[in-house]
Amino acid sequence: MAVIVEIAGFRPASTPQRTAVEGVETAGQAIERLAVSDRPGLIILVNGRLASWHTRLQDNDIVQLIPAPAGG
């Protein structure tokens, strides 16, 4: 099974990075595989829908990581 992980730029004008990841069953496993799990405040989407670390993946799913908005 292969999924695509897209990491949104952490600067407004940056282009998202896309990486194919194989052999994962959950969004969390895909994130760990790319070693980005240490970034606080990530929003996880799978196929455009809000997801969690434990969301099960299917072949060709797209996992998107977006920095959570900050401010106050």
N, C-alpha and C. Protein backbone atom coordinates (compact mmCIF):
# COMPACT_ATOMS: atom_id res chain seq x y z
N MET A 1 0.85 -1.18 0.00
CA MET A 1 0.00 0.00 0.00
C MET A 1 0.89 1.23 0.00
N ALA A 2 0.56 2.19 -0.83
CA ALA A 2 1.31 3.44 -0.89
C ALA A 2 0.37 4.61 -0.67
N VAL A 3 0.84 5.60 0.08
CA VAL A 3 0.09 6.83 0.31
C VAL A 3 1.00 8.00 -0.02
N ILE A 4 0.42 9.15 -0.20
CA ILE A 4 1.17 10.38 -0.43
C ILE A 4 1.05 11.23 0.82
N VAL A 5 2.18 11.74 1.32
CA VAL A 5 2.17 12.66 2.44
C VAL A 5 2.59 14.02 1.92
N GLU A 6 1.75 15.01 2.16
CA GLU A 6 2.01 16.38 1.72
C GLU A 6 2.20 17.24 2.95
N ILE A 7 3.34 17.89 3.03
CA ILE A 7 3.63 18.77 4.17
C ILE A 7 3.51 20.19 3.67
N ALA A 8 2.54 20.92 4.22
CA ALA A 8 2.33 22.31 3.82
C ALA A 8 3.51 23.14 4.28
N GLY A 9 3.82 24.14 3.50
CA GLY A 9 4.93 25.01 3.85
C GLY A 9 4.72 25.70 5.18
N PHE A 10 5.79 25.89 5.89
CA PHE A 10 5.69 26.57 7.17
C PHE A 10 5.94 28.06 7.00
N ARG A 11 6.03 28.50 5.76
CA ARG A 11 6.04 29.92 5.42
C ARG A 11 4.94 30.13 4.39
N PRO A 12 4.24 31.23 4.42
CA PRO A 12 3.08 31.41 3.53
C PRO A 12 3.35 31.17 2.05
N ALA A 13 4.49 31.56 1.53
CA ALA A 13 4.73 31.46 0.09
C ALA A 13 5.40 30.15 -0.32
N SER A 14 5.66 29.26 0.62
CA SER A 14 6.39 28.04 0.27
C SER A 14 5.46 27.00 -0.36
N THR A 15 6.05 26.14 -1.17
CA THR A 15 5.31 25.09 -1.86
C THR A 15 5.30 23.82 -1.01
N PRO A 16 4.16 23.14 -0.93
CA PRO A 16 4.10 21.90 -0.14
C PRO A 16 5.03 20.84 -0.71
N GLN A 17 5.62 20.03 0.19
CA GLN A 17 6.44 18.90 -0.21
C GLN A 17 5.54 17.68 -0.30
N ARG A 18 5.72 16.86 -1.35
CA ARG A 18 4.95 15.62 -1.48
C ARG A 18 5.92 14.45 -1.50
N THR A 19 5.61 13.43 -0.70
CA THR A 19 6.46 12.25 -0.61
C THR A 19 5.58 11.00 -0.60
N ALA A 20 5.95 10.01 -1.39
CA ALA A 20 5.24 8.73 -1.37
C ALA A 20 5.80 7.89 -0.21
N VAL A 21 4.90 7.27 0.53
CA VAL A 21 5.28 6.43 1.66
C VAL A 21 4.59 5.08 1.50
N GLU A 22 5.35 4.01 1.68
CA GLU A 22 4.78 2.66 1.53
C GLU A 22 4.84 1.91 2.85
N GLY A 23 3.94 0.94 2.99
CA GLY A 23 3.97 0.04 4.14
C GLY A 23 3.50 0.65 5.44
N VAL A 24 2.57 1.60 5.38
CA VAL A 24 2.03 2.20 6.61
C VAL A 24 0.53 1.93 6.66
N GLU A 25 0.00 1.86 7.87
CA GLU A 25 -1.42 1.58 8.06
C GLU A 25 -2.19 2.76 8.63
N THR A 26 -1.50 3.68 9.31
CA THR A 26 -2.17 4.82 9.93
C THR A 26 -1.47 6.13 9.55
N ALA A 27 -2.18 7.22 9.74
CA ALA A 27 -1.58 8.53 9.48
C ALA A 27 -0.36 8.74 10.35
N GLY A 28 -0.42 8.31 11.61
CA GLY A 28 0.71 8.46 12.52
C GLY A 28 1.95 7.73 12.04
N GLN A 29 1.78 6.53 11.50
CA GLN A 29 2.93 5.79 10.98
C GLN A 29 3.55 6.53 9.80
N ALA A 30 2.72 7.10 8.94
CA ALA A 30 3.24 7.86 7.80
C ALA A 30 4.01 9.09 8.26
N ILE A 31 3.49 9.76 9.28
CA ILE A 31 4.15 10.96 9.81
C ILE A 31 5.48 10.58 10.45
N GLU A 32 5.49 9.52 11.23
CA GLU A 32 6.73 9.08 11.86
C GLU A 32 7.78 8.69 10.82
N ARG A 33 7.35 8.08 9.75
CA ARG A 33 8.27 7.65 8.70
C ARG A 33 9.02 8.84 8.10
N LEU A 34 8.36 10.00 8.08
CA LEU A 34 9.00 11.20 7.53
C LEU A 34 9.71 12.02 8.59
N ALA A 35 9.69 11.56 9.82
CA ALA A 35 10.39 12.23 10.93
C ALA A 35 9.95 13.68 11.11
N VAL A 36 8.65 13.93 11.00
CA VAL A 36 8.14 15.28 11.25
C VAL A 36 7.25 15.31 12.49
N SER A 37 7.19 14.21 13.22
CA SER A 37 6.28 14.13 14.36
C SER A 37 6.68 15.04 15.52
N ASP A 38 7.90 15.59 15.47
CA ASP A 38 8.34 16.45 16.56
C ASP A 38 7.89 17.90 16.38
N ARG A 39 7.21 18.20 15.29
CA ARG A 39 6.72 19.56 15.06
C ARG A 39 5.39 19.74 15.78
N PRO A 40 5.34 20.64 16.74
CA PRO A 40 4.08 20.83 17.48
C PRO A 40 3.01 21.53 16.64
N GLY A 41 1.78 21.27 16.96
CA GLY A 41 0.68 22.00 16.36
C GLY A 41 0.38 21.65 14.92
N LEU A 42 0.52 20.39 14.54
CA LEU A 42 0.18 19.99 13.18
C LEU A 42 -1.28 19.58 13.10
N ILE A 43 -1.95 20.01 12.04
CA ILE A 43 -3.29 19.56 11.74
C ILE A 43 -3.14 18.46 10.70
N ILE A 44 -3.80 17.32 10.92
CA ILE A 44 -3.70 16.18 10.01
C ILE A 44 -5.00 16.07 9.22
N LEU A 45 -4.87 15.99 7.91
CA LEU A 45 -6.01 15.74 7.03
C LEU A 45 -5.72 14.47 6.23
N VAL A 46 -6.74 13.67 5.98
CA VAL A 46 -6.62 12.53 5.07
C VAL A 46 -7.69 12.74 4.00
N ASN A 47 -7.23 12.86 2.77
CA ASN A 47 -8.13 13.13 1.64
C ASN A 47 -9.01 14.36 1.89
N GLY A 48 -8.42 15.38 2.51
CA GLY A 48 -9.11 16.64 2.73
C GLY A 48 -10.02 16.68 3.95
N ARG A 49 -10.05 15.60 4.73
CA ARG A 49 -10.90 15.56 5.92
C ARG A 49 -10.05 15.49 7.18
N LEU A 50 -10.50 16.17 8.22
CA LEU A 50 -9.79 16.17 9.49
C LEU A 50 -9.57 14.73 9.96
N ALA A 51 -8.35 14.43 10.39
CA ALA A 51 -8.00 13.07 10.80
C ALA A 51 -7.18 13.13 12.08
N SER A 52 -6.83 11.96 12.58
CA SER A 52 -6.01 11.88 13.78
C SER A 52 -4.82 10.97 13.52
N TRP A 53 -3.96 10.87 14.51
CA TRP A 53 -2.78 10.03 14.45
C TRP A 53 -3.17 8.57 14.12
N HIS A 54 -4.35 8.13 14.60
CA HIS A 54 -4.78 6.74 14.48
C HIS A 54 -5.67 6.46 13.27
N THR A 55 -5.90 7.46 12.43
CA THR A 55 -6.75 7.26 11.25
C THR A 55 -6.14 6.20 10.34
N ARG A 56 -6.94 5.20 9.99
CA ARG A 56 -6.49 4.12 9.11
C ARG A 56 -6.42 4.63 7.67
N LEU A 57 -5.40 4.19 6.97
CA LEU A 57 -5.19 4.62 5.60
C LEU A 57 -5.49 3.50 4.62
N GLN A 58 -5.81 3.91 3.39
CA GLN A 58 -6.01 2.98 2.29
C GLN A 58 -5.05 3.38 1.17
N ASP A 59 -4.85 2.47 0.24
CA ASP A 59 -3.96 2.72 -0.88
C ASP A 59 -4.36 4.02 -1.59
N ASN A 60 -3.37 4.82 -1.92
CA ASN A 60 -3.53 6.09 -2.65
C ASN A 60 -4.15 7.22 -1.85
N ASP A 61 -4.31 7.07 -0.53
CA ASP A 61 -4.78 8.18 0.29
C ASP A 61 -3.75 9.30 0.27
N ILE A 62 -4.21 10.51 0.52
CA ILE A 62 -3.33 11.67 0.63
C ILE A 62 -3.42 12.20 2.06
N VAL A 63 -2.31 12.16 2.76
CA VAL A 63 -2.21 12.68 4.12
C VAL A 63 -1.59 14.06 4.02
N GLN A 64 -2.27 15.06 4.56
CA GLN A 64 -1.75 16.42 4.54
C GLN A 64 -1.45 16.88 5.96
N LEU A 65 -0.31 17.51 6.12
CA LEU A 65 0.10 18.08 7.40
C LEU A 65 0.16 19.59 7.23
N ILE A 66 -0.59 20.28 8.07
CA ILE A 66 -0.69 21.74 7.99
C ILE A 66 -0.37 22.31 9.35
N PRO A 67 0.47 23.35 9.40
CA PRO A 67 0.74 23.96 10.70
C PRO A 67 -0.53 24.62 11.24
N ALA A 68 -0.80 24.40 12.52
CA ALA A 68 -1.98 25.02 13.14
C ALA A 68 -1.77 26.54 13.21
N PRO A 69 -2.82 27.29 12.99
CA PRO A 69 -2.70 28.74 13.08
C PRO A 69 -2.38 29.16 14.51
N ALA A 70 -1.56 30.15 14.63
CA ALA A 70 -1.19 30.67 15.94
C ALA A 70 -1.63 32.12 16.05
N GLY A 71 -1.73 32.57 17.24
CA GLY A 71 -2.11 33.96 17.43
C GLY A 71 -3.02 34.10 18.63
N GLY A 72 -3.50 35.26 18.79
CA GLY A 72 -4.34 35.41 19.94
C GLY A 72 -5.07 36.65 20.00
